[in-house]
Amino acid sequence: MVEIEGYDPQMILSNLKPDRMTHPGEIILDEIEYLKISQKAFAERIGVSRSLVNQVLKGKRAVTTEFALLTEAAIDLPADMLLRMQERYDRWKVEQEPSFMERLKKVRKFAAAL
């Protein structure tokens, strides 16, 4: 965390944490809507169930490497971008869990004592 004398560390831009992260499914949804492709047609195009597509687009399931590569081939959204977004989203979700953050704090404290 960056600290600058006279400034609240929470108000320094590089220290800010977002209140909400964008699930990569939202980006895919925006793109297929822009291209006027239905979820059903998209699912058929990439060879997966409509249910899986719907769950990914709603952020209920993760974008896997396979799904990202199929999406890239179908609508030209870069798989690497989608996977990086998924990783950031997953990390953000974990960091929202107070019990996990407390556990992480204990592990860091233990590691610092070594």
C-alpha atoms as a PDB file:
ATOM      1  CA  MET A   1       0.000   0.000   0.000  1.00  0.00           C
ATOM      2  CA  VAL A   2       1.337   3.389  -1.007  1.00  0.00           C
ATOM      3  CA  GLU A   3       1.540   5.928   1.790  1.00  0.00           C
ATOM      4  CA  ILE A   4       2.035   9.648   1.310  1.00  0.00           C
ATOM      5  CA  GLU A   5       2.442  11.928   4.278  1.00  0.00           C
ATOM      6  CA  GLY A   6      -0.712  13.958   4.910  1.00  0.00           C
ATOM      7  CA  TYR A   7      -2.978  11.762   2.778  1.00  0.00           C
ATOM      8  CA  ASP A   8      -5.370   9.016   3.798  1.00  0.00           C
ATOM      9  CA  PRO A   9      -3.894   5.798   2.294  1.00  0.00           C
ATOM     10  CA  GLN A  10      -7.421   4.690   1.326  1.00  0.00           C
ATOM     11  CA  MET A  11      -7.787   7.775  -0.893  1.00  0.00           C
ATOM     12  CA  ILE A  12      -4.659   7.237  -2.984  1.00  0.00           C
ATOM     13  CA  LEU A  13      -5.728   5.978  -6.422  1.00  0.00           C
ATOM     14  CA  SER A  14      -3.333   3.022  -6.501  1.00  0.00           C
ATOM     15  CA  ASN A  15      -4.731   1.834  -3.145  1.00  0.00           C
ATOM     16  CA  LEU A  16      -8.413   1.978  -4.098  1.00  0.00           C
ATOM     17  CA  LYS A  17     -10.340  -1.287  -4.244  1.00  0.00           C
ATOM     18  CA  PRO A  18     -13.409  -1.552  -6.494  1.00  0.00           C
ATOM     19  CA  ASP A  19     -16.829  -2.094  -4.934  1.00  0.00           C
ATOM     20  CA  ARG A  20     -17.732  -4.422  -7.785  1.00  0.00           C
ATOM     21  CA  MET A  21     -15.828  -6.285 -10.472  1.00  0.00           C
ATOM     22  CA  THR A  22     -17.126  -7.116 -13.916  1.00  0.00           C
ATOM     23  CA  HIS A  23     -17.570 -10.803 -14.598  1.00  0.00           C
ATOM     24  CA  PRO A  24     -16.299 -11.630 -18.112  1.00  0.00           C
ATOM     25  CA  GLY A  25     -19.716 -13.095 -18.893  1.00  0.00           C
ATOM     26  CA  GLU A  26     -21.077  -9.538 -18.892  1.00  0.00           C
ATOM     27  CA  ILE A  27     -18.624  -8.593 -21.649  1.00  0.00           C
ATOM     28  CA  ILE A  28     -19.579 -11.648 -23.687  1.00  0.00           C
ATOM     29  CA  LEU A  29     -23.269 -10.832 -23.212  1.00  0.00           C
ATOM     30  CA  ASP A  30     -22.726  -7.243 -24.373  1.00  0.00           C
ATOM     31  CA  GLU A  31     -20.883  -8.496 -27.445  1.00  0.00           C
ATOM     32  CA  ILE A  32     -23.445 -11.107 -28.511  1.00  0.00           C
ATOM     33  CA  GLU A  33     -26.253  -8.591 -27.982  1.00  0.00           C
ATOM     34  CA  TYR A  34     -24.364  -6.051 -30.112  1.00  0.00           C
ATOM     35  CA  LEU A  35     -23.920  -8.708 -32.803  1.00  0.00           C
ATOM     36  CA  LYS A  36     -27.620  -9.631 -32.451  1.00  0.00           C
ATOM     37  CA  ILE A  37     -26.823 -13.267 -31.668  1.00  0.00           C
ATOM     38  CA  SER A  38     -29.192 -15.057 -29.294  1.00  0.00           C
ATOM     39  CA  GLN A  39     -27.823 -17.075 -26.389  1.00  0.00           C
ATOM     40  CA  LYS A  40     -29.209 -20.184 -28.073  1.00  0.00           C
ATOM     41  CA  ALA A  41     -27.448 -19.402 -31.366  1.00  0.00           C
ATOM     42  CA  PHE A  42     -24.213 -18.581 -29.522  1.00  0.00           C
ATOM     43  CA  ALA A  43     -24.404 -21.867 -27.607  1.00  0.00           C
ATOM     44  CA  GLU A  44     -24.941 -23.770 -30.848  1.00  0.00           C
ATOM     45  CA  ARG A  45     -22.093 -21.884 -32.527  1.00  0.00           C
ATOM     46  CA  ILE A  46     -19.596 -22.847 -29.813  1.00  0.00           C
ATOM     47  CA  GLY A  47     -21.023 -26.314 -29.181  1.00  0.00           C
ATOM     48  CA  VAL A  48     -22.105 -26.038 -25.558  1.00  0.00           C
ATOM     49  CA  SER A  49     -25.481 -26.106 -23.839  1.00  0.00           C
ATOM     50  CA  ARG A  50     -27.643 -22.995 -23.714  1.00  0.00           C
ATOM     51  CA  SER A  51     -27.806 -23.500 -19.958  1.00  0.00           C
ATOM     52  CA  LEU A  52     -24.011 -23.230 -19.658  1.00  0.00           C
ATOM     53  CA  VAL A  53     -23.947 -20.084 -21.780  1.00  0.00           C
ATOM     54  CA  ASN A  54     -26.726 -18.540 -19.693  1.00  0.00           C
ATOM     55  CA  GLN A  55     -24.938 -19.312 -16.426  1.00  0.00           C
ATOM     56  CA  VAL A  56     -21.667 -17.819 -17.683  1.00  0.00           C
ATOM     57  CA  LEU A  57     -23.381 -14.704 -19.028  1.00  0.00           C
ATOM     58  CA  LYS A  58     -25.147 -14.189 -15.680  1.00  0.00           C
ATOM     59  CA  GLY A  59     -21.851 -14.580 -13.785  1.00  0.00           C
ATOM     60  CA  LYS A  60     -22.966 -17.776 -12.061  1.00  0.00           C
ATOM     61  CA  ARG A  61     -20.200 -19.870 -13.658  1.00  0.00           C
ATOM     62  CA  ALA A  62     -16.623 -19.069 -14.459  1.00  0.00           C
ATOM     63  CA  VAL A  63     -15.254 -18.554 -17.938  1.00  0.00           C
ATOM     64  CA  THR A  64     -12.966 -21.556 -18.387  1.00  0.00           C
ATOM     65  CA  THR A  65     -10.026 -21.708 -20.770  1.00  0.00           C
ATOM     66  CA  GLU A  66     -12.081 -23.872 -23.123  1.00  0.00           C
ATOM     67  CA  PHE A  67     -15.048 -21.490 -23.040  1.00  0.00           C
ATOM     68  CA  ALA A  68     -12.758 -18.498 -23.611  1.00  0.00           C
ATOM     69  CA  LEU A  69     -11.082 -20.113 -26.617  1.00  0.00           C
ATOM     70  CA  LEU A  70     -14.438 -21.077 -28.126  1.00  0.00           C
ATOM     71  CA  THR A  71     -15.719 -17.548 -27.566  1.00  0.00           C
ATOM     72  CA  GLU A  72     -12.626 -16.070 -29.183  1.00  0.00           C
ATOM     73  CA  ALA A  73     -13.122 -18.287 -32.239  1.00  0.00           C
ATOM     74  CA  ALA A  74     -16.845 -17.434 -32.469  1.00  0.00           C
ATOM     75  CA  ILE A  75     -16.956 -13.690 -31.827  1.00  0.00           C
ATOM     76  CA  ASP A  76     -13.325 -12.569 -31.744  1.00  0.00           C
ATOM     77  CA  LEU A  77     -13.164 -11.573 -28.056  1.00  0.00           C
ATOM     78  CA  PRO A  78      -9.587 -12.348 -26.967  1.00  0.00           C
ATOM     79  CA  ALA A  79      -9.445 -15.450 -24.777  1.00  0.00           C
ATOM     80  CA  ASP A  80      -6.510 -14.042 -22.792  1.00  0.00           C
ATOM     81  CA  MET A  81      -8.525 -10.949 -21.878  1.00  0.00           C
ATOM     82  CA  LEU A  82     -11.507 -13.029 -20.751  1.00  0.00           C
ATOM     83  CA  LEU A  83      -9.287 -15.286 -18.637  1.00  0.00           C
ATOM     84  CA  ARG A  84      -7.503 -12.334 -17.002  1.00  0.00           C
ATOM     85  CA  MET A  85     -10.896 -10.812 -16.208  1.00  0.00           C
ATOM     86  CA  GLN A  86     -12.035 -14.106 -14.696  1.00  0.00           C
ATOM     87  CA  GLU A  87      -8.906 -14.298 -12.555  1.00  0.00           C
ATOM     88  CA  ARG A  88      -9.389 -10.726 -11.274  1.00  0.00           C
ATOM     89  CA  TYR A  89     -13.081 -11.405 -10.653  1.00  0.00           C
ATOM     90  CA  ASP A  90     -12.315 -14.620  -8.721  1.00  0.00           C
ATOM     91  CA  ARG A  91      -9.718 -12.850  -6.592  1.00  0.00           C
ATOM     92  CA  TRP A  92     -12.090  -9.956  -5.892  1.00  0.00           C
ATOM     93  CA  LYS A  93     -14.821 -12.417  -4.823  1.00  0.00           C
ATOM     94  CA  VAL A  94     -12.440 -14.166  -2.411  1.00  0.00           C
ATOM     95  CA  GLU A  95     -11.310 -10.824  -0.985  1.00  0.00           C
ATOM     96  CA  GLN A  96     -14.961 -10.020  -0.166  1.00  0.00           C
ATOM     97  CA  GLU A  97     -15.072 -12.946   2.281  1.00  0.00           C
ATOM     98  CA  PRO A  98     -14.154 -11.643   5.762  1.00  0.00           C
ATOM     99  CA  SER A  99     -13.429 -15.130   7.117  1.00  0.00           C
ATOM    100  CA  PHE A 100     -10.952 -15.837   4.333  1.00  0.00           C
ATOM    101  CA  MET A 101      -9.276 -12.446   4.732  1.00  0.00           C
ATOM    102  CA  GLU A 102      -8.865 -13.111   8.461  1.00  0.00           C
ATOM    103  CA  ARG A 103      -7.328 -16.493   7.661  1.00  0.00           C
ATOM    104  CA  LEU A 104      -5.004 -14.858   5.134  1.00  0.00           C
ATOM    105  CA  LYS A 105      -3.959 -12.288   7.720  1.00  0.00           C
ATOM    106  CA  LYS A 106      -3.041 -15.087  10.161  1.00  0.00           C
ATOM    107  CA  VAL A 107      -0.979 -16.892   7.520  1.00  0.00           C
ATOM    108  CA  ARG A 108       0.869 -13.660   6.646  1.00  0.00           C
ATOM    109  CA  LYS A 109       1.526 -13.034  10.348  1.00  0.00           C
ATOM    110  CA  PHE A 110       2.897 -16.572  10.714  1.00  0.00           C
ATOM    111  CA  ALA A 111       5.068 -16.201   7.596  1.00  0.00           C
ATOM    112  CA  ALA A 112       6.460 -12.873   8.836  1.00  0.00           C
ATOM    113  CA  ALA A 113       7.544 -14.542  12.062  1.00  0.00           C
ATOM    114  CA  LEU A 114       9.676 -17.123  10.224  1.00  0.00           C
END
